[in-house]
Amino acid sequence: MSGTVVAAALGAVVAVFVVVVLLGASRLRTLSGRVGSFLCSGRRAQPGAPWNAGIAHYGAGRIDWWRSWSLAPRPARSWRREDIEVVSRAPVAGSTDPDLVLVRCRHRGTDYEVTMSRDALAGLTAWLEAAPPTDFSRVI
């Protein structure tokens, strides 16, 4: 009987693992398939800060950023358009992908580094510039 219990417990663990993996894959597919979504990695601009892979999504007045490896139903970060400033941009040093750009942004006094494709950067700057007229110094 104990062999049956062990097999049932092992089967339950495998089933839970498969469900979690399927939910994660479905979440990534749903987020990346939305209009206005783009892949990017980000971190606070501090020495040694870890990079986090994710998907950003443009909203009407904000960008929502979702971690790739999470099952959270809400974005990990949200930035309002009027609070974001692009400080600098440069090719990613040592990258084999020439399309990858390192963008330094400032949000309410905190600097972030974000890597994204050149097309995503073009979309970000266009989205920032399309804001209602208040301050035009947010994009360099």
N, C-alpha and C. Protein backbone atom coordinates (compact mmCIF):
# COMPACT_ATOMS: atom_id res chain seq x y z
N MET A 1 0.82 -1.19 0.00
CA MET A 1 0.00 0.00 0.00
C MET A 1 0.86 1.26 0.00
N SER A 2 2.01 1.27 0.65
CA SER A 2 2.82 2.47 0.69
C SER A 2 3.37 2.80 -0.69
N GLY A 3 3.62 1.80 -1.52
CA GLY A 3 4.07 2.04 -2.89
C GLY A 3 3.00 2.76 -3.70
N THR A 4 1.74 2.43 -3.45
CA THR A 4 0.64 3.09 -4.13
C THR A 4 0.53 4.55 -3.69
N VAL A 5 0.73 4.81 -2.42
CA VAL A 5 0.66 6.18 -1.89
C VAL A 5 1.80 7.01 -2.47
N VAL A 6 2.99 6.46 -2.54
CA VAL A 6 4.14 7.18 -3.10
C VAL A 6 3.89 7.48 -4.58
N ALA A 7 3.38 6.51 -5.31
CA ALA A 7 3.09 6.71 -6.73
C ALA A 7 2.01 7.78 -6.92
N ALA A 8 1.00 7.79 -6.08
CA ALA A 8 -0.07 8.79 -6.17
C ALA A 8 0.47 10.17 -5.84
N ALA A 9 1.32 10.26 -4.82
CA ALA A 9 1.90 11.55 -4.45
C ALA A 9 2.82 12.06 -5.55
N LEU A 10 3.62 11.18 -6.13
CA LEU A 10 4.50 11.56 -7.22
C LEU A 10 3.68 12.00 -8.44
N GLY A 11 2.62 11.30 -8.72
CA GLY A 11 1.73 11.68 -9.82
C GLY A 11 1.09 13.03 -9.60
N ALA A 12 0.71 13.33 -8.36
CA ALA A 12 0.10 14.62 -8.03
C ALA A 12 1.12 15.74 -8.20
N VAL A 13 2.37 15.50 -7.77
CA VAL A 13 3.42 16.52 -7.92
C VAL A 13 3.68 16.78 -9.39
N VAL A 14 3.77 15.75 -10.19
CA VAL A 14 4.00 15.92 -11.63
C VAL A 14 2.82 16.65 -12.27
N ALA A 15 1.60 16.33 -11.88
CA ALA A 15 0.42 17.00 -12.43
C ALA A 15 0.41 18.48 -12.08
N VAL A 16 0.75 18.81 -10.84
CA VAL A 16 0.82 20.23 -10.43
C VAL A 16 1.90 20.95 -11.22
N PHE A 17 3.06 20.31 -11.40
CA PHE A 17 4.15 20.91 -12.17
C PHE A 17 3.71 21.19 -13.61
N VAL A 18 3.05 20.23 -14.23
CA VAL A 18 2.59 20.40 -15.61
C VAL A 18 1.57 21.54 -15.69
N VAL A 19 0.66 21.62 -14.76
CA VAL A 19 -0.34 22.69 -14.75
C VAL A 19 0.33 24.06 -14.60
N VAL A 20 1.31 24.18 -13.71
CA VAL A 20 2.01 25.45 -13.50
C VAL A 20 2.76 25.85 -14.78
N VAL A 21 3.44 24.90 -15.41
CA VAL A 21 4.17 25.20 -16.65
C VAL A 21 3.19 25.63 -17.75
N LEU A 22 2.07 24.96 -17.88
CA LEU A 22 1.08 25.33 -18.90
C LEU A 22 0.47 26.70 -18.62
N LEU A 23 0.20 27.01 -17.36
CA LEU A 23 -0.32 28.33 -17.01
C LEU A 23 0.71 29.42 -17.33
N GLY A 24 1.97 29.17 -17.01
CA GLY A 24 3.03 30.13 -17.32
C GLY A 24 3.19 30.35 -18.81
N ALA A 25 3.18 29.29 -19.58
CA ALA A 25 3.30 29.41 -21.04
C ALA A 25 2.10 30.15 -21.62
N SER A 26 0.91 29.87 -21.11
CA SER A 26 -0.29 30.56 -21.58
C SER A 26 -0.23 32.04 -21.25
N ARG A 27 0.24 32.36 -20.06
CA ARG A 27 0.38 33.77 -19.64
C ARG A 27 1.35 34.51 -20.55
N LEU A 28 2.52 33.91 -20.81
CA LEU A 28 3.51 34.55 -21.69
C LEU A 28 2.95 34.75 -23.10
N ARG A 29 2.26 33.76 -23.60
CA ARG A 29 1.68 33.87 -24.95
C ARG A 29 0.62 34.97 -25.00
N THR A 30 -0.21 35.04 -23.98
CA THR A 30 -1.25 36.07 -23.93
C THR A 30 -0.64 37.46 -23.84
N LEU A 31 0.35 37.63 -22.95
CA LEU A 31 0.97 38.95 -22.79
C LEU A 31 1.72 39.39 -24.04
N SER A 32 2.47 38.49 -24.65
CA SER A 32 3.27 38.88 -25.82
C SER A 32 2.40 39.05 -27.06
N GLY A 33 1.21 38.50 -27.06
CA GLY A 33 0.33 38.62 -28.21
C GLY A 33 -0.53 39.88 -28.21
N ARG A 34 -0.50 40.64 -27.15
CA ARG A 34 -1.30 41.86 -27.07
C ARG A 34 -0.74 42.94 -28.00
N VAL A 35 -1.61 43.72 -28.57
CA VAL A 35 -1.17 44.87 -29.35
C VAL A 35 -0.53 45.87 -28.39
N GLY A 36 0.67 46.36 -28.74
CA GLY A 36 1.37 47.31 -27.88
C GLY A 36 2.31 46.65 -26.89
N SER A 37 2.59 45.36 -27.07
CA SER A 37 3.51 44.66 -26.18
C SER A 37 4.87 44.50 -26.83
N PHE A 38 5.92 44.49 -26.01
CA PHE A 38 7.27 44.24 -26.52
C PHE A 38 8.11 43.60 -25.43
N LEU A 39 9.07 42.78 -25.86
CA LEU A 39 9.97 42.11 -24.93
C LEU A 39 11.02 43.09 -24.45
N CYS A 40 11.34 43.04 -23.17
CA CYS A 40 12.40 43.87 -22.63
C CYS A 40 12.86 43.29 -21.29
N SER A 41 14.10 43.60 -20.95
CA SER A 41 14.63 43.25 -19.64
C SER A 41 14.93 44.54 -18.91
N GLY A 42 14.78 44.54 -17.62
CA GLY A 42 15.00 45.77 -16.88
C GLY A 42 15.61 45.55 -15.51
N ARG A 43 16.17 46.63 -14.99
CA ARG A 43 16.72 46.62 -13.64
C ARG A 43 16.88 48.06 -13.18
N ARG A 44 17.00 48.24 -11.87
CA ARG A 44 17.37 49.55 -11.36
C ARG A 44 18.81 49.82 -11.77
N ALA A 45 19.12 51.06 -12.08
CA ALA A 45 20.46 51.41 -12.54
C ALA A 45 21.41 51.53 -11.36
N GLN A 46 21.70 50.40 -10.74
CA GLN A 46 22.61 50.33 -9.60
C GLN A 46 23.62 49.22 -9.89
N PRO A 47 24.86 49.41 -9.48
CA PRO A 47 25.86 48.35 -9.70
C PRO A 47 25.42 47.04 -9.05
N GLY A 48 25.47 45.97 -9.82
CA GLY A 48 25.12 44.65 -9.31
C GLY A 48 23.64 44.35 -9.26
N ALA A 49 22.79 45.27 -9.67
CA ALA A 49 21.35 44.99 -9.66
C ALA A 49 21.03 43.89 -10.67
N PRO A 50 20.16 42.95 -10.31
CA PRO A 50 19.86 41.84 -11.22
C PRO A 50 18.94 42.27 -12.37
N TRP A 51 19.15 41.66 -13.52
CA TRP A 51 18.28 41.88 -14.67
C TRP A 51 17.06 40.97 -14.55
N ASN A 52 15.90 41.48 -14.96
CA ASN A 52 14.68 40.70 -14.95
C ASN A 52 14.06 40.75 -16.34
N ALA A 53 13.86 39.58 -16.94
CA ALA A 53 13.23 39.50 -18.25
C ALA A 53 11.74 39.75 -18.10
N GLY A 54 11.17 40.41 -19.10
CA GLY A 54 9.74 40.68 -19.02
C GLY A 54 9.15 41.16 -20.32
N ILE A 55 7.89 41.51 -20.23
CA ILE A 55 7.12 42.01 -21.36
C ILE A 55 6.46 43.30 -20.91
N ALA A 56 6.66 44.35 -21.69
CA ALA A 56 6.03 45.63 -21.39
C ALA A 56 4.84 45.82 -22.32
N HIS A 57 3.87 46.57 -21.86
CA HIS A 57 2.65 46.80 -22.64
C HIS A 57 2.23 48.26 -22.48
N TYR A 58 2.04 48.93 -23.63
CA TYR A 58 1.57 50.31 -23.61
C TYR A 58 0.10 50.36 -23.29
N GLY A 59 -0.26 51.23 -22.36
CA GLY A 59 -1.66 51.52 -22.08
C GLY A 59 -1.95 52.93 -22.56
N ALA A 60 -3.12 53.44 -22.25
CA ALA A 60 -3.50 54.79 -22.68
C ALA A 60 -2.57 55.84 -22.08
N GLY A 61 -2.22 55.70 -20.82
CA GLY A 61 -1.37 56.69 -20.19
C GLY A 61 -0.26 56.11 -19.35
N ARG A 62 0.01 54.80 -19.53
CA ARG A 62 1.04 54.17 -18.72
C ARG A 62 1.62 52.96 -19.45
N ILE A 63 2.78 52.53 -18.97
CA ILE A 63 3.38 51.28 -19.42
C ILE A 63 3.32 50.31 -18.25
N ASP A 64 2.80 49.13 -18.52
CA ASP A 64 2.80 48.06 -17.53
C ASP A 64 3.90 47.07 -17.89
N TRP A 65 4.65 46.62 -16.89
CA TRP A 65 5.73 45.67 -17.13
C TRP A 65 5.45 44.40 -16.33
N TRP A 66 5.47 43.28 -17.04
CA TRP A 66 5.18 41.97 -16.45
C TRP A 66 6.44 41.13 -16.44
N ARG A 67 6.76 40.50 -15.34
CA ARG A 67 7.89 39.57 -15.29
C ARG A 67 7.58 38.35 -16.15
N SER A 68 8.61 37.86 -16.85
CA SER A 68 8.41 36.66 -17.67
C SER A 68 8.13 35.43 -16.82
N TRP A 69 8.85 35.27 -15.73
CA TRP A 69 8.75 34.07 -14.92
C TRP A 69 7.95 34.34 -13.66
N SER A 70 6.66 34.56 -13.85
CA SER A 70 5.77 34.82 -12.73
C SER A 70 4.36 34.41 -13.13
N LEU A 71 3.57 34.06 -12.16
CA LEU A 71 2.16 33.77 -12.42
C LEU A 71 1.26 34.88 -11.87
N ALA A 72 1.86 35.99 -11.49
CA ALA A 72 1.11 37.10 -10.90
C ALA A 72 0.07 37.63 -11.89
N PRO A 73 -1.14 37.90 -11.43
CA PRO A 73 -2.17 38.41 -12.34
C PRO A 73 -2.04 39.90 -12.65
N ARG A 74 -1.18 40.60 -11.94
CA ARG A 74 -1.00 42.04 -12.14
C ARG A 74 0.45 42.31 -12.57
N PRO A 75 0.67 43.46 -13.24
CA PRO A 75 2.04 43.78 -13.63
C PRO A 75 2.93 44.02 -12.42
N ALA A 76 4.22 43.72 -12.59
CA ALA A 76 5.19 43.95 -11.52
C ALA A 76 5.44 45.44 -11.32
N ARG A 77 5.37 46.20 -12.41
CA ARG A 77 5.58 47.65 -12.36
C ARG A 77 4.63 48.34 -13.34
N SER A 78 4.25 49.55 -12.99
CA SER A 78 3.48 50.42 -13.89
C SER A 78 4.08 51.82 -13.81
N TRP A 79 4.29 52.41 -14.98
CA TRP A 79 4.84 53.76 -15.03
C TRP A 79 3.90 54.65 -15.83
N ARG A 80 3.52 55.76 -15.24
CA ARG A 80 2.67 56.73 -15.95
C ARG A 80 3.52 57.48 -16.97
N ARG A 81 2.93 57.78 -18.10
CA ARG A 81 3.65 58.42 -19.21
C ARG A 81 4.31 59.72 -18.79
N GLU A 82 3.62 60.54 -18.03
CA GLU A 82 4.17 61.85 -17.67
C GLU A 82 5.32 61.75 -16.66
N ASP A 83 5.52 60.56 -16.06
CA ASP A 83 6.58 60.39 -15.07
C ASP A 83 7.83 59.72 -15.64
N ILE A 84 7.82 59.37 -16.93
CA ILE A 84 8.94 58.66 -17.56
C ILE A 84 9.77 59.63 -18.38
N GLU A 85 11.08 59.51 -18.24
CA GLU A 85 12.01 60.32 -19.03
C GLU A 85 13.10 59.40 -19.58
N VAL A 86 13.34 59.44 -20.89
CA VAL A 86 14.45 58.70 -21.48
C VAL A 86 15.70 59.55 -21.32
N VAL A 87 16.69 59.03 -20.58
CA VAL A 87 17.89 59.78 -20.26
C VAL A 87 18.98 59.53 -21.30
N SER A 88 19.17 58.27 -21.70
CA SER A 88 20.19 57.95 -22.69
C SER A 88 19.86 56.62 -23.35
N ARG A 89 20.57 56.37 -24.45
CA ARG A 89 20.43 55.10 -25.15
C ARG A 89 21.76 54.77 -25.81
N ALA A 90 22.08 53.48 -25.87
CA ALA A 90 23.35 53.05 -26.45
C ALA A 90 23.23 51.57 -26.83
N PRO A 91 24.05 51.13 -27.78
CA PRO A 91 24.08 49.69 -28.07
C PRO A 91 24.51 48.92 -26.83
N VAL A 92 24.04 47.70 -26.69
CA VAL A 92 24.41 46.88 -25.54
C VAL A 92 25.84 46.37 -25.75
N ALA A 93 26.72 46.70 -24.84
CA ALA A 93 28.13 46.30 -24.94
C ALA A 93 28.25 44.78 -24.86
N GLY A 94 29.00 44.21 -25.79
CA GLY A 94 29.25 42.78 -25.78
C GLY A 94 28.11 41.92 -26.30
N SER A 95 27.05 42.52 -26.81
CA SER A 95 25.92 41.74 -27.31
C SER A 95 26.19 41.27 -28.73
N THR A 96 25.74 40.08 -29.04
CA THR A 96 25.86 39.57 -30.40
C THR A 96 24.67 40.01 -31.25
N ASP A 97 23.68 40.63 -30.63
CA ASP A 97 22.50 41.12 -31.34
C ASP A 97 22.65 42.62 -31.58
N PRO A 98 22.90 43.03 -32.84
CA PRO A 98 23.09 44.46 -33.11
C PRO A 98 21.80 45.27 -32.96
N ASP A 99 20.66 44.59 -32.86
CA ASP A 99 19.37 45.27 -32.74
C ASP A 99 19.05 45.63 -31.29
N LEU A 100 19.84 45.15 -30.35
CA LEU A 100 19.56 45.35 -28.93
C LEU A 100 20.11 46.70 -28.46
N VAL A 101 19.28 47.46 -27.72
CA VAL A 101 19.64 48.79 -27.24
C VAL A 101 19.46 48.85 -25.73
N LEU A 102 20.42 49.51 -25.06
CA LEU A 102 20.32 49.76 -23.62
C LEU A 102 19.78 51.17 -23.44
N VAL A 103 18.66 51.29 -22.80
CA VAL A 103 18.00 52.57 -22.60
C VAL A 103 17.98 52.87 -21.10
N ARG A 104 18.44 54.04 -20.75
CA ARG A 104 18.37 54.48 -19.35
C ARG A 104 17.17 55.41 -19.24
N CYS A 105 16.25 55.06 -18.35
CA CYS A 105 15.04 55.86 -18.12
C CYS A 105 15.02 56.34 -16.68
N ARG A 106 14.33 57.41 -16.46
CA ARG A 106 14.14 57.94 -15.11
C ARG A 106 12.64 57.98 -14.84
N HIS A 107 12.25 57.44 -13.71
CA HIS A 107 10.85 57.46 -13.29
C HIS A 107 10.80 57.98 -11.87
N ARG A 108 10.25 59.18 -11.73
CA ARG A 108 10.12 59.81 -10.41
C ARG A 108 11.43 59.82 -9.64
N GLY A 109 12.51 60.17 -10.32
CA GLY A 109 13.81 60.30 -9.67
C GLY A 109 14.63 59.03 -9.55
N THR A 110 14.07 57.89 -9.92
CA THR A 110 14.80 56.62 -9.88
C THR A 110 15.19 56.23 -11.29
N ASP A 111 16.47 55.91 -11.49
CA ASP A 111 16.96 55.51 -12.80
C ASP A 111 16.82 54.00 -12.99
N TYR A 112 16.40 53.61 -14.20
CA TYR A 112 16.27 52.22 -14.59
C TYR A 112 17.03 52.00 -15.88
N GLU A 113 17.55 50.80 -16.07
CA GLU A 113 18.14 50.40 -17.33
C GLU A 113 17.24 49.34 -17.95
N VAL A 114 16.96 49.52 -19.23
CA VAL A 114 16.07 48.61 -19.93
C VAL A 114 16.73 48.23 -21.24
N THR A 115 16.74 46.94 -21.57
CA THR A 115 17.20 46.52 -22.88
C THR A 115 15.99 46.16 -23.72
N MET A 116 16.03 46.59 -24.97
CA MET A 116 14.92 46.34 -25.89
C MET A 116 15.44 46.43 -27.31
N SER A 117 14.62 46.04 -28.26
CA SER A 117 14.99 46.14 -29.67
C SER A 117 14.91 47.60 -30.12
N ARG A 118 15.55 47.90 -31.23
CA ARG A 118 15.48 49.25 -31.79
C ARG A 118 14.04 49.62 -32.15
N ASP A 119 13.29 48.65 -32.66
CA ASP A 119 11.88 48.92 -32.99
C ASP A 119 11.07 49.25 -31.73
N ALA A 120 11.33 48.52 -30.64
CA ALA A 120 10.63 48.80 -29.38
C ALA A 120 11.00 50.18 -28.87
N LEU A 121 12.28 50.57 -29.01
CA LEU A 121 12.70 51.91 -28.60
C LEU A 121 12.01 52.98 -29.44
N ALA A 122 11.89 52.74 -30.74
CA ALA A 122 11.18 53.70 -31.60
C ALA A 122 9.73 53.84 -31.14
N GLY A 123 9.11 52.71 -30.79
CA GLY A 123 7.74 52.76 -30.29
C GLY A 123 7.63 53.49 -28.96
N LEU A 124 8.60 53.27 -28.07
CA LEU A 124 8.60 53.94 -26.77
C LEU A 124 8.73 55.45 -26.94
N THR A 125 9.67 55.90 -27.76
CA THR A 125 9.85 57.34 -27.93
C THR A 125 8.64 57.97 -28.61
N ALA A 126 8.06 57.27 -29.59
CA ALA A 126 6.85 57.79 -30.24
C ALA A 126 5.70 57.88 -29.24
N TRP A 127 5.57 56.88 -28.39
CA TRP A 127 4.50 56.87 -27.38
C TRP A 127 4.70 58.01 -26.40
N LEU A 128 5.95 58.24 -25.97
CA LEU A 128 6.22 59.35 -25.05
C LEU A 128 5.94 60.70 -25.71
N GLU A 129 6.35 60.85 -26.96
CA GLU A 129 6.16 62.12 -27.66
C GLU A 129 4.70 62.38 -28.02
N ALA A 130 3.89 61.33 -28.04
CA ALA A 130 2.48 61.48 -28.39
C ALA A 130 1.64 61.93 -27.21
N ALA A 131 2.27 62.18 -26.09
CA ALA A 131 1.54 62.62 -24.90
C ALA A 131 0.95 64.00 -25.14
N PRO A 132 -0.10 64.34 -24.43
CA PRO A 132 -0.64 65.70 -24.52
C PRO A 132 0.45 66.72 -24.21
N PRO A 133 0.43 67.87 -24.85
CA PRO A 133 1.52 68.84 -24.66
C PRO A 133 1.61 69.36 -23.23
N THR A 134 2.74 69.04 -22.61
CA THR A 134 3.06 69.58 -21.29
C THR A 134 4.55 69.86 -21.21
N ASP A 135 5.35 68.81 -21.45
CA ASP A 135 6.80 68.95 -21.35
C ASP A 135 7.42 68.11 -22.45
N PHE A 136 8.22 68.71 -23.31
CA PHE A 136 8.78 68.00 -24.44
C PHE A 136 10.23 67.58 -24.21
N SER A 137 10.73 67.66 -22.99
CA SER A 137 12.14 67.35 -22.74
C SER A 137 12.35 65.93 -22.23
N ARG A 138 11.38 65.03 -22.39
CA ARG A 138 11.48 63.71 -21.80
C ARG A 138 12.20 62.69 -22.68
N VAL A 139 12.44 63.03 -23.94
CA VAL A 139 13.09 62.09 -24.85
C VAL A 139 14.37 62.71 -25.37
N ILE A 140 15.46 61.96 -25.24
CA ILE A 140 16.75 62.43 -25.76
C ILE A 140 17.02 61.71 -27.05
